[in-house]
Every structure is written in C-alpha cells, then in structure tokens.
Amino acid sequence: MSFIEKTRAFASRDKVYDFLIPEPVFDDSLDTRHGPILYLEDISVSFDGFKALNNLNLYINDGEMRCIIGANGAGKTTMMDVITGKTRPDSGSVFFGQRIDLLKMDEPAIARAGIGRKFQKPTVFETLSVYANLELALSTDKRVWPTLFAQLSGSEKEAIDEVFLMIGLMEQRHRLAGELSHGQKQWLEIGMLLIQQPKVLLIDEPVAGMTHQEIERTTDLLLALEGKHSIVVVEHDMEFVRSIARTVTVLHEGSVLAEGTMASVQNDARVIEVYLGG
C-alpha cells in the first residue's frame, strides 16, 4: 500500500484520534451590541453556610457609571470578587460582553481582558516614584528591574503623560509615592489602572478617608471618565454617590433589592427600612 493510500485509509477510520481534534478557539472579542458589558446571572456564593450572594442578577451597560450601595454583608465585595475571578460562585454565569465567559478565566487573564479593580486601601509602590508606578503598571513584564531599565517608546510616554493630566499628579511625578497624601495615592492607583486601558473599572470606596477637597477632585475625575469606561463604584458616602450616580443598585442579603435613579432608590420603602434608616 502506498503512502497516499495509507493516509487515506487512516483518515477514513471511524475512530477519531485526540490529536486530530482541533484545539477549541477562545473567542476573546468583546461584543456589547446588546448594551451590557457585564452580565451576572443567578450568582450564588456561600461561605460556611452563609449565603454571601443569593441568585444575584446584575447587568452593567457599556460606558455607564453604576453605583452599588448596601449595608455591610450585603454582598458588594463578594460580587466584585466574582467578577475579577478571586471567588468562584457555587452557581450562575458571569460574562464580559456576549462572548467572554469570565468563569473560565483566572484573575490575571480577566485583568488582561480589560477588567481593572481598585481596592479600598491604595496599593502603590511607596518606595518608587509616582512616575515609576505608572511605568510598572504599563509594562507587560511585571518584574520591577526589567521594567525600570526598559526604554519607553514615544507612545508609551505620551500615554503616561495623558494619565498624569487626568489624575492631576503631573507636579508630583518625581516624588516618592509614599510621600503622597491618602487622596493622591487613590488617584495614582486609579491612574495605574487607566494606563492599562481597561474597559471596566471596579472601584471600592474611593473616597473613604478623604478630605472634602479630595472628594470633590475624585468626583471630577470619575465623571471625566464616564463614557470612556464602564465604571462600577461601591461606596457608603451617600453624598458622593448622589454627585456621580446615574443608576444606583442596592444590594441586600446577596440580591438586588432595588435599582434606579438615586431619587427613586431613596424613596423606596424597602431601601429605607433595611439600609437608609428612614
């Protein structure tokens, strides 16, 4: 039997060999044609019998500013943990756009896909300059020394300058990050997310511990980002929420209790009873 005949015979066998099956193709295109950029559907998470999330359904539209409020234990942090891959739900689905299944990805892959998270406590490199912090956030190689000795391209330098202008720290660029005020560290961390060009920003209590002036600047910063990114803000400061909110979602016992404008939420009898306190 010739080589060609052997090949044809091999290919015609009923058995399908594993190495002949093509690898599944991961579709990483972000499809937001239907509006939402994040879909959380029927999400439940339990910790030692406590249900942190209980069949949570939440949809965040592309480019919107969404504020999430709720009492301690309502499920706000767990919700963000699920979106970023830190916590795996017991049940439900989480999609980034129409096609990207976040439950099939780990935390670094989710971040690379375009979801950035800022925790309540700033996590900046305090012994490095403010500029070096943005360099590290920009670099694809996250090791410190290769990043510090790498040569930035012109476009990368422009990107850093643009972020400095957005976060208002141009004059502090050569200072050590540890010398910044609490509010300035918060803005720097937001800048470290922005330099990575995320589609979604998850921001946890951005104005906690800030002065009144710092809160006003944070308000201006987030409003300037609206529409360019989808922004989800978890916050307890109701005055701040009123200043930025378009849509407010109230969580209670791991589920959505109410959703709408700040005015409608404030006047919802259920919200008044369980959260706002009348």
C-alpha atoms as a PDB file:
ATOM      1  CA  MET A   1       0.000   0.000   0.000  1.00  0.00           C
ATOM      2  CA  SER A   2       1.434   3.374  -0.976  1.00  0.00           C
ATOM      3  CA  PHE A   3       1.927   6.238   1.464  1.00  0.00           C
ATOM      4  CA  ILE A   4      -1.037   8.132  -0.039  1.00  0.00           C
ATOM      5  CA  GLU A   5      -3.266   5.067   0.226  1.00  0.00           C
ATOM      6  CA  LYS A   6      -2.222   4.504   3.852  1.00  0.00           C
ATOM      7  CA  THR A   7      -3.014   8.147   4.631  1.00  0.00           C
ATOM      8  CA  ARG A   8      -6.466   7.879   3.038  1.00  0.00           C
ATOM      9  CA  ALA A   9      -7.206   4.677   4.940  1.00  0.00           C
ATOM     10  CA  PHE A  10      -6.110   6.244   8.222  1.00  0.00           C
ATOM     11  CA  ALA A  11      -8.267   9.299   7.642  1.00  0.00           C
ATOM     12  CA  SER A  12     -11.335   7.213   6.764  1.00  0.00           C
ATOM     13  CA  ARG A  13     -11.388   5.203  10.008  1.00  0.00           C
ATOM     14  CA  ASP A  14     -14.337   5.663  12.336  1.00  0.00           C
ATOM     15  CA  LYS A  15     -12.130   6.315  15.349  1.00  0.00           C
ATOM     16  CA  VAL A  16     -11.321   9.970  15.932  1.00  0.00           C
ATOM     17  CA  TYR A  17      -7.877  10.374  17.484  1.00  0.00           C
ATOM     18  CA  ASP A  18      -7.431  13.082  20.100  1.00  0.00           C
ATOM     19  CA  PHE A  19      -4.543  14.706  18.234  1.00  0.00           C
ATOM     20  CA  LEU A  20      -6.767  15.130  15.167  1.00  0.00           C
ATOM     21  CA  ILE A  21      -9.368  17.141  17.103  1.00  0.00           C
ATOM     22  CA  PRO A  22      -8.664  20.873  16.661  1.00  0.00           C
ATOM     23  CA  GLU A  23      -7.996  22.869  19.808  1.00  0.00           C
ATOM     24  CA  PRO A  24     -11.031  24.915  20.887  1.00  0.00           C
ATOM     25  CA  VAL A  25     -10.734  28.527  19.826  1.00  0.00           C
ATOM     26  CA  PHE A  26     -11.254  31.080  22.598  1.00  0.00           C
ATOM     27  CA  ASP A  27     -13.312  33.951  21.276  1.00  0.00           C
ATOM     28  CA  ASP A  28     -11.885  36.965  23.092  1.00  0.00           C
ATOM     29  CA  SER A  29     -13.759  39.616  21.121  1.00  0.00           C
ATOM     30  CA  LEU A  30     -15.797  41.948  23.299  1.00  0.00           C
ATOM     31  CA  ASP A  31     -19.358  42.073  21.974  1.00  0.00           C
ATOM     32  CA  THR A  32     -21.519  44.770  23.570  1.00  0.00           C
ATOM     33  CA  ARG A  33     -24.017  45.188  20.729  1.00  0.00           C
ATOM     34  CA  HIS A  34     -26.903  44.387  23.087  1.00  0.00           C
ATOM     35  CA  GLY A  35     -25.850  47.092  25.566  1.00  0.00           C
ATOM     36  CA  PRO A  36     -24.477  45.381  28.670  1.00  0.00           C
ATOM     37  CA  ILE A  37     -20.758  44.852  29.113  1.00  0.00           C
ATOM     38  CA  LEU A  38     -21.150  42.726  32.258  1.00  0.00           C
ATOM     39  CA  TYR A  39     -23.721  40.017  32.837  1.00  0.00           C
ATOM     40  CA  LEU A  40     -24.080  38.375  36.255  1.00  0.00           C
ATOM     41  CA  GLU A  41     -26.915  35.873  36.222  1.00  0.00           C
ATOM     42  CA  ASP A  42     -28.204  33.680  39.069  1.00  0.00           C
ATOM     43  CA  ILE A  43     -24.942  34.032  41.015  1.00  0.00           C
ATOM     44  CA  SER A  44     -24.826  32.327  44.399  1.00  0.00           C
ATOM     45  CA  VAL A  45     -21.843  32.140  46.741  1.00  0.00           C
ATOM     46  CA  SER A  46     -21.796  30.527  50.175  1.00  0.00           C
ATOM     47  CA  PHE A  47     -19.131  30.695  52.870  1.00  0.00           C
ATOM     48  CA  ASP A  48     -19.534  28.132  55.676  1.00  0.00           C
ATOM     49  CA  GLY A  49     -23.297  28.142  55.294  1.00  0.00           C
ATOM     50  CA  PHE A  50     -23.589  31.935  54.947  1.00  0.00           C
ATOM     51  CA  LYS A  51     -25.001  32.951  51.576  1.00  0.00           C
ATOM     52  CA  ALA A  52     -22.960  35.991  50.523  1.00  0.00           C
ATOM     53  CA  LEU A  53     -24.697  36.142  47.147  1.00  0.00           C
ATOM     54  CA  ASN A  54     -28.156  34.715  46.582  1.00  0.00           C
ATOM     55  CA  ASN A  55     -29.215  34.293  42.939  1.00  0.00           C
ATOM     56  CA  LEU A  56     -27.807  37.720  42.108  1.00  0.00           C
ATOM     57  CA  ASN A  57     -28.723  39.169  38.719  1.00  0.00           C
ATOM     58  CA  LEU A  58     -26.848  42.300  37.685  1.00  0.00           C
ATOM     59  CA  TYR A  59     -26.261  43.929  34.303  1.00  0.00           C
ATOM     60  CA  ILE A  60     -23.811  46.789  33.713  1.00  0.00           C
ATOM     61  CA  ASN A  61     -24.153  48.697  30.445  1.00  0.00           C
ATOM     62  CA  ASP A  62     -21.231  49.645  28.238  1.00  0.00           C
ATOM     63  CA  GLY A  63     -19.880  53.069  29.227  1.00  0.00           C
ATOM     64  CA  GLU A  64     -22.171  53.626  32.211  1.00  0.00           C
ATOM     65  CA  MET A  65     -21.456  54.812  35.732  1.00  0.00           C
ATOM     66  CA  ARG A  66     -23.084  52.425  38.222  1.00  0.00           C
ATOM     67  CA  CYS A  67     -23.068  52.868  41.969  1.00  0.00           C
ATOM     68  CA  ILE A  68     -23.558  49.868  44.239  1.00  0.00           C
ATOM     69  CA  ILE A  69     -24.717  50.509  47.795  1.00  0.00           C
ATOM     70  CA  GLY A  70     -25.803  48.302  50.647  1.00  0.00           C
ATOM     71  CA  ALA A  71     -25.151  47.568  54.288  1.00  0.00           C
ATOM     72  CA  ASN A  72     -22.107  45.625  55.425  1.00  0.00           C
ATOM     73  CA  GLY A  73     -22.577  41.978  54.468  1.00  0.00           C
ATOM     74  CA  ALA A  74     -24.901  42.792  51.571  1.00  0.00           C
ATOM     75  CA  GLY A  75     -22.569  41.092  49.091  1.00  0.00           C
ATOM     76  CA  LYS A  76     -20.798  44.046  47.463  1.00  0.00           C
ATOM     77  CA  THR A  77     -17.228  42.823  47.913  1.00  0.00           C
ATOM     78  CA  THR A  78     -18.121  39.238  47.013  1.00  0.00           C
ATOM     79  CA  MET A  79     -19.756  40.484  43.830  1.00  0.00           C
ATOM     80  CA  MET A  80     -16.506  42.236  42.822  1.00  0.00           C
ATOM     81  CA  ASP A  81     -14.513  39.145  43.805  1.00  0.00           C
ATOM     82  CA  VAL A  82     -16.634  37.023  41.472  1.00  0.00           C
ATOM     83  CA  ILE A  83     -16.238  39.438  38.542  1.00  0.00           C
ATOM     84  CA  THR A  84     -12.445  39.515  38.922  1.00  0.00           C
ATOM     85  CA  GLY A  85     -12.034  35.767  39.419  1.00  0.00           C
ATOM     86  CA  LYS A  86     -10.947  35.917  43.064  1.00  0.00           C
ATOM     87  CA  THR A  87     -14.023  33.943  44.134  1.00  0.00           C
ATOM     88  CA  ARG A  88     -15.718  31.182  42.155  1.00  0.00           C
ATOM     89  CA  PRO A  89     -19.516  31.117  42.538  1.00  0.00           C
ATOM     90  CA  ASP A  90     -21.398  27.993  43.543  1.00  0.00           C
ATOM     91  CA  SER A  91     -23.757  28.564  40.635  1.00  0.00           C
ATOM     92  CA  GLY A  92     -24.608  31.078  37.921  1.00  0.00           C
ATOM     93  CA  SER A  93     -22.793  32.692  35.000  1.00  0.00           C
ATOM     94  CA  VAL A  94     -20.613  35.778  34.502  1.00  0.00           C
ATOM     95  CA  PHE A  95     -19.981  37.137  31.025  1.00  0.00           C
ATOM     96  CA  PHE A  96     -17.874  40.049  29.791  1.00  0.00           C
ATOM     97  CA  GLY A  97     -19.860  41.172  26.783  1.00  0.00           C
ATOM     98  CA  GLN A  98     -21.749  38.486  24.891  1.00  0.00           C
ATOM     99  CA  ARG A  99     -18.940  36.000  24.391  1.00  0.00           C
ATOM    100  CA  ILE A 100     -16.287  36.105  27.117  1.00  0.00           C
ATOM    101  CA  ASP A 101     -17.044  33.649  29.933  1.00  0.00           C
ATOM    102  CA  LEU A 102     -15.211  35.007  32.967  1.00  0.00           C
ATOM    103  CA  LEU A 103     -15.742  31.798  34.936  1.00  0.00           C
ATOM    104  CA  LYS A 104     -13.356  30.036  32.561  1.00  0.00           C
ATOM    105  CA  MET A 105     -10.572  32.540  33.267  1.00  0.00           C
ATOM    106  CA  ASP A 106      -8.204  33.203  36.170  1.00  0.00           C
ATOM    107  CA  GLU A 107      -7.535  36.597  37.771  1.00  0.00           C
ATOM    108  CA  PRO A 108      -4.597  37.651  35.532  1.00  0.00           C
ATOM    109  CA  ALA A 109      -6.474  36.679  32.372  1.00  0.00           C
ATOM    110  CA  ILE A 110      -9.525  38.674  33.467  1.00  0.00           C
ATOM    111  CA  ALA A 111      -7.343  41.712  34.122  1.00  0.00           C
ATOM    112  CA  ARG A 112      -5.706  41.356  30.707  1.00  0.00           C
ATOM    113  CA  ALA A 113      -9.129  41.064  29.092  1.00  0.00           C
ATOM    114  CA  GLY A 114      -9.951  44.571  30.295  1.00  0.00           C
ATOM    115  CA  ILE A 115     -11.394  44.494  33.826  1.00  0.00           C
ATOM    116  CA  GLY A 116      -9.474  46.578  36.373  1.00  0.00           C
ATOM    117  CA  ARG A 117     -10.110  46.740  40.100  1.00  0.00           C
ATOM    118  CA  LYS A 118      -9.141  49.316  42.702  1.00  0.00           C
ATOM    119  CA  PHE A 119      -9.398  48.202  46.302  1.00  0.00           C
ATOM    120  CA  GLN A 120     -10.364  50.496  49.162  1.00  0.00           C
ATOM    121  CA  LYS A 121      -6.803  50.710  50.509  1.00  0.00           C
ATOM    122  CA  PRO A 122      -4.347  52.093  47.934  1.00  0.00           C
ATOM    123  CA  THR A 123      -1.768  49.538  46.818  1.00  0.00           C
ATOM    124  CA  VAL A 124       1.009  51.591  45.270  1.00  0.00           C
ATOM    125  CA  PHE A 125       4.779  51.042  45.334  1.00  0.00           C
ATOM    126  CA  GLU A 126       5.605  53.591  48.028  1.00  0.00           C
ATOM    127  CA  THR A 127       9.399  53.405  47.699  1.00  0.00           C
ATOM    128  CA  LEU A 128       9.253  54.176  43.959  1.00  0.00           C
ATOM    129  CA  SER A 129       8.477  57.467  42.257  1.00  0.00           C
ATOM    130  CA  VAL A 130       4.984  58.261  41.111  1.00  0.00           C
ATOM    131  CA  TYR A 131       6.249  58.060  37.522  1.00  0.00           C
ATOM    132  CA  ALA A 132       7.803  54.615  38.133  1.00  0.00           C
ATOM    133  CA  ASN A 133       4.474  53.369  39.477  1.00  0.00           C
ATOM    134  CA  LEU A 134       2.812  54.203  36.174  1.00  0.00           C
ATOM    135  CA  GLU A 135       5.716  52.630  34.281  1.00  0.00           C
ATOM    136  CA  LEU A 136       5.252  49.396  36.200  1.00  0.00           C
ATOM    137  CA  ALA A 137       1.529  49.401  35.526  1.00  0.00           C
ATOM    138  CA  LEU A 138       2.169  49.984  31.823  1.00  0.00           C
ATOM    139  CA  SER A 139       4.775  47.265  31.372  1.00  0.00           C
ATOM    140  CA  THR A 140       3.866  43.815  30.069  1.00  0.00           C
ATOM    141  CA  ASP A 141       6.804  42.422  32.077  1.00  0.00           C
ATOM    142  CA  LYS A 142       5.717  42.998  35.683  1.00  0.00           C
ATOM    143  CA  ARG A 143       9.129  42.339  37.223  1.00  0.00           C
ATOM    144  CA  VAL A 144      10.486  45.542  38.752  1.00  0.00           C
ATOM    145  CA  TRP A 145      14.044  45.672  37.401  1.00  0.00           C
ATOM    146  CA  PRO A 146      13.334  44.843  33.735  1.00  0.00           C
ATOM    147  CA  THR A 147      10.624  47.496  33.815  1.00  0.00           C
ATOM    148  CA  LEU A 148      12.779  50.205  35.362  1.00  0.00           C
ATOM    149  CA  PHE A 149      15.611  49.658  32.875  1.00  0.00           C
ATOM    150  CA  ALA A 150      13.362  49.293  29.830  1.00  0.00           C
ATOM    151  CA  GLN A 151      13.261  52.073  27.248  1.00  0.00           C
ATOM    152  CA  LEU A 152       9.795  53.579  26.896  1.00  0.00           C
ATOM    153  CA  SER A 153       8.513  54.279  23.408  1.00  0.00           C
ATOM    154  CA  GLY A 154       7.199  57.699  22.449  1.00  0.00           C
ATOM    155  CA  SER A 155       3.609  56.471  22.520  1.00  0.00           C
ATOM    156  CA  GLU A 156       4.100  54.972  25.983  1.00  0.00           C
ATOM    157  CA  LYS A 157       5.491  58.265  27.306  1.00  0.00           C
ATOM    158  CA  GLU A 158       2.510  60.094  25.807  1.00  0.00           C
ATOM    159  CA  ALA A 159       0.128  57.623  27.449  1.00  0.00           C
ATOM    160  CA  ILE A 160       1.743  58.223  30.848  1.00  0.00           C
ATOM    161  CA  ASP A 161       1.546  61.994  30.396  1.00  0.00           C
ATOM    162  CA  GLU A 162      -2.140  61.739  29.482  1.00  0.00           C
ATOM    163  CA  VAL A 163      -2.847  59.745  32.621  1.00  0.00           C
ATOM    164  CA  PHE A 164      -0.935  62.260  34.755  1.00  0.00           C
ATOM    165  CA  LEU A 165      -3.133  65.020  33.384  1.00  0.00           C
ATOM    166  CA  MET A 166      -6.293  63.006  34.107  1.00  0.00           C
ATOM    167  CA  ILE A 167      -5.381  62.191  37.703  1.00  0.00           C
ATOM    168  CA  GLY A 168      -3.889  65.621  38.428  1.00  0.00           C
ATOM    169  CA  LEU A 169      -0.471  64.446  39.624  1.00  0.00           C
ATOM    170  CA  MET A 170       1.808  65.925  36.976  1.00  0.00           C
ATOM    171  CA  GLU A 171       3.614  68.089  39.549  1.00  0.00           C
ATOM    172  CA  GLN A 172       4.175  65.074  41.813  1.00  0.00           C
ATOM    173  CA  ARG A 173       5.543  62.758  39.118  1.00  0.00           C
ATOM    174  CA  HIS A 174       9.083  62.646  40.560  1.00  0.00           C
ATOM    175  CA  ARG A 175       8.062  62.347  44.213  1.00  0.00           C
ATOM    176  CA  LEU A 176       8.082  59.024  46.030  1.00  0.00           C
ATOM    177  CA  ALA A 177       4.601  57.529  46.042  1.00  0.00           C
ATOM    178  CA  GLY A 178       4.866  57.070  49.807  1.00  0.00           C
ATOM    179  CA  GLU A 179       5.032  60.851  50.238  1.00  0.00           C
ATOM    180  CA  LEU A 180       1.627  61.430  48.643  1.00  0.00           C
ATOM    181  CA  SER A 181      -1.493  62.174  50.633  1.00  0.00           C
ATOM    182  CA  HIS A 182      -4.141  59.470  51.006  1.00  0.00           C
ATOM    183  CA  GLY A 183      -6.247  61.025  48.274  1.00  0.00           C
ATOM    184  CA  GLN A 184      -3.297  61.366  45.910  1.00  0.00           C
ATOM    185  CA  LYS A 185      -2.455  57.692  46.410  1.00  0.00           C
ATOM    186  CA  GLN A 186      -6.029  56.826  45.470  1.00  0.00           C
ATOM    187  CA  TRP A 187      -5.717  58.859  42.267  1.00  0.00           C
ATOM    188  CA  LEU A 188      -2.371  57.263  41.480  1.00  0.00           C
ATOM    189  CA  GLU A 189      -3.873  53.796  41.805  1.00  0.00           C
ATOM    190  CA  ILE A 190      -6.723  54.810  39.508  1.00  0.00           C
ATOM    191  CA  GLY A 191      -4.067  56.058  37.088  1.00  0.00           C
ATOM    192  CA  MET A 192      -2.272  52.710  37.310  1.00  0.00           C
ATOM    193  CA  LEU A 193      -5.491  51.074  36.164  1.00  0.00           C
ATOM    194  CA  LEU A 194      -6.147  53.634  33.431  1.00  0.00           C
ATOM    195  CA  ILE A 195      -2.702  53.153  31.883  1.00  0.00           C
ATOM    196  CA  GLN A 196      -3.728  49.552  31.175  1.00  0.00           C
ATOM    197  CA  GLN A 197      -6.751  50.806  29.194  1.00  0.00           C
ATOM    198  CA  PRO A 198      -9.431  48.698  30.888  1.00  0.00           C
ATOM    199  CA  LYS A 199     -12.957  48.522  29.564  1.00  0.00           C
ATOM    200  CA  VAL A 200     -14.407  48.156  33.067  1.00  0.00           C
ATOM    201  CA  LEU A 201     -13.253  49.835  36.288  1.00  0.00           C
ATOM    202  CA  LEU A 202     -14.351  48.336  39.604  1.00  0.00           C
ATOM    203  CA  ILE A 203     -13.700  50.909  42.320  1.00  0.00           C
ATOM    204  CA  ASP A 204     -14.189  50.096  46.006  1.00  0.00           C
ATOM    205  CA  GLU A 205     -14.952  53.012  48.359  1.00  0.00           C
ATOM    206  CA  PRO A 206     -12.770  55.569  46.565  1.00  0.00           C
ATOM    207  CA  VAL A 207     -13.449  58.480  48.936  1.00  0.00           C
ATOM    208  CA  ALA A 208     -13.088  56.711  52.281  1.00  0.00           C
ATOM    209  CA  GLY A 209     -10.740  58.773  54.457  1.00  0.00           C
ATOM    210  CA  MET A 210     -10.540  61.702  52.022  1.00  0.00           C
ATOM    211  CA  THR A 211     -10.820  65.372  52.798  1.00  0.00           C
ATOM    212  CA  HIS A 212     -13.732  67.348  51.361  1.00  0.00           C
ATOM    213  CA  GLN A 213     -11.462  68.848  48.710  1.00  0.00           C
ATOM    214  CA  GLU A 214     -10.108  65.427  47.752  1.00  0.00           C
ATOM    215  CA  ILE A 215     -13.656  64.090  47.438  1.00  0.00           C
ATOM    216  CA  GLU A 216     -14.520  66.914  45.036  1.00  0.00           C
ATOM    217  CA  ARG A 217     -11.477  66.135  42.868  1.00  0.00           C
ATOM    218  CA  THR A 218     -12.336  62.422  42.890  1.00  0.00           C
ATOM    219  CA  THR A 219     -15.848  63.285  41.774  1.00  0.00           C
ATOM    220  CA  ASP A 220     -14.485  65.324  38.871  1.00  0.00           C
ATOM    221  CA  LEU A 221     -12.075  62.532  37.925  1.00  0.00           C
ATOM    222  CA  LEU A 222     -14.719  59.806  37.792  1.00  0.00           C
ATOM    223  CA  LEU A 223     -17.185  61.993  35.906  1.00  0.00           C
ATOM    224  CA  ALA A 224     -14.454  62.756  33.349  1.00  0.00           C
ATOM    225  CA  LEU A 225     -14.011  59.000  32.806  1.00  0.00           C
ATOM    226  CA  GLU A 226     -17.723  58.337  32.343  1.00  0.00           C
ATOM    227  CA  GLY A 227     -18.492  57.045  28.869  1.00  0.00           C
ATOM    228  CA  LYS A 228     -14.851  56.197  28.171  1.00  0.00           C
ATOM    229  CA  HIS A 229     -15.028  53.255  30.576  1.00  0.00           C
ATOM    230  CA  SER A 230     -17.764  51.320  32.313  1.00  0.00           C
ATOM    231  CA  ILE A 231     -17.382  52.233  35.981  1.00  0.00           C
ATOM    232  CA  VAL A 232     -18.782  50.323  38.950  1.00  0.00           C
ATOM    233  CA  VAL A 233     -18.384  52.195  42.241  1.00  0.00           C
ATOM    234  CA  VAL A 234     -19.048  50.630  45.634  1.00  0.00           C
ATOM    235  CA  GLU A 235     -19.431  53.392  48.186  1.00  0.00           C
ATOM    236  CA  HIS A 236     -21.017  54.204  51.563  1.00  0.00           C
ATOM    237  CA  ASP A 237     -20.779  58.004  51.285  1.00  0.00           C
ATOM    238  CA  MET A 238     -24.273  58.886  50.079  1.00  0.00           C
ATOM    239  CA  GLU A 239     -23.401  62.494  49.279  1.00  0.00           C
ATOM    240  CA  PHE A 240     -20.647  61.275  46.964  1.00  0.00           C
ATOM    241  CA  VAL A 241     -22.975  58.722  45.390  1.00  0.00           C
ATOM    242  CA  ARG A 242     -25.520  61.462  44.691  1.00  0.00           C
ATOM    243  CA  SER A 243     -22.827  63.517  42.941  1.00  0.00           C
ATOM    244  CA  ILE A 244     -21.857  60.815  40.446  1.00  0.00           C
ATOM    245  CA  ALA A 245     -24.727  58.340  40.244  1.00  0.00           C
ATOM    246  CA  ARG A 246     -26.788  57.764  37.140  1.00  0.00           C
ATOM    247  CA  THR A 247     -28.085  54.374  38.216  1.00  0.00           C
ATOM    248  CA  VAL A 248     -27.882  53.016  41.754  1.00  0.00           C
ATOM    249  CA  THR A 249     -28.164  49.344  42.665  1.00  0.00           C
ATOM    250  CA  VAL A 250     -28.983  48.424  46.263  1.00  0.00           C
ATOM    251  CA  LEU A 251     -27.824  45.008  47.443  1.00  0.00           C
ATOM    252  CA  HIS A 252     -29.394  43.269  50.431  1.00  0.00           C
ATOM    253  CA  GLU A 253     -28.585  39.765  51.637  1.00  0.00           C
ATOM    254  CA  GLY A 254     -26.799  38.953  48.388  1.00  0.00           C
ATOM    255  CA  SER A 255     -29.534  40.035  45.973  1.00  0.00           C
ATOM    256  CA  VAL A 256     -30.686  43.196  44.239  1.00  0.00           C
ATOM    257  CA  LEU A 257     -33.218  44.917  46.476  1.00  0.00           C
ATOM    258  CA  ALA A 258     -33.798  47.985  44.313  1.00  0.00           C
ATOM    259  CA  GLU A 259     -32.342  49.695  41.267  1.00  0.00           C
ATOM    260  CA  GLY A 260     -32.884  53.037  39.576  1.00  0.00           C
ATOM    261  CA  THR A 261     -32.061  56.691  39.977  1.00  0.00           C
ATOM    262  CA  MET A 262     -30.816  57.940  43.322  1.00  0.00           C
ATOM    263  CA  ALA A 263     -34.130  59.682  43.892  1.00  0.00           C
ATOM    264  CA  SER A 264     -36.187  56.566  43.233  1.00  0.00           C
ATOM    265  CA  VAL A 265     -33.948  54.417  45.418  1.00  0.00           C
ATOM    266  CA  GLN A 266     -34.043  56.918  48.289  1.00  0.00           C
ATOM    267  CA  ASN A 267     -37.845  56.873  48.213  1.00  0.00           C
ATOM    268  CA  ASP A 268     -38.149  53.084  48.037  1.00  0.00           C
ATOM    269  CA  ALA A 269     -39.765  51.887  51.266  1.00  0.00           C
ATOM    270  CA  ARG A 270     -37.742  48.655  51.272  1.00  0.00           C
ATOM    271  CA  VAL A 271     -34.457  50.549  50.973  1.00  0.00           C
ATOM    272  CA  ILE A 272     -35.440  52.987  53.708  1.00  0.00           C
ATOM    273  CA  GLU A 273     -36.255  50.084  56.005  1.00  0.00           C
ATOM    274  CA  VAL A 274     -33.131  47.961  55.506  1.00  0.00           C
ATOM    275  CA  TYR A 275     -30.429  50.462  54.621  1.00  0.00           C
ATOM    276  CA  LEU A 276     -31.078  54.174  54.723  1.00  0.00           C
ATOM    277  CA  GLY A 277     -32.822  54.003  58.077  1.00  0.00           C
ATOM    278  CA  GLY A 278     -35.687  56.313  57.273  1.00  0.00           C
END
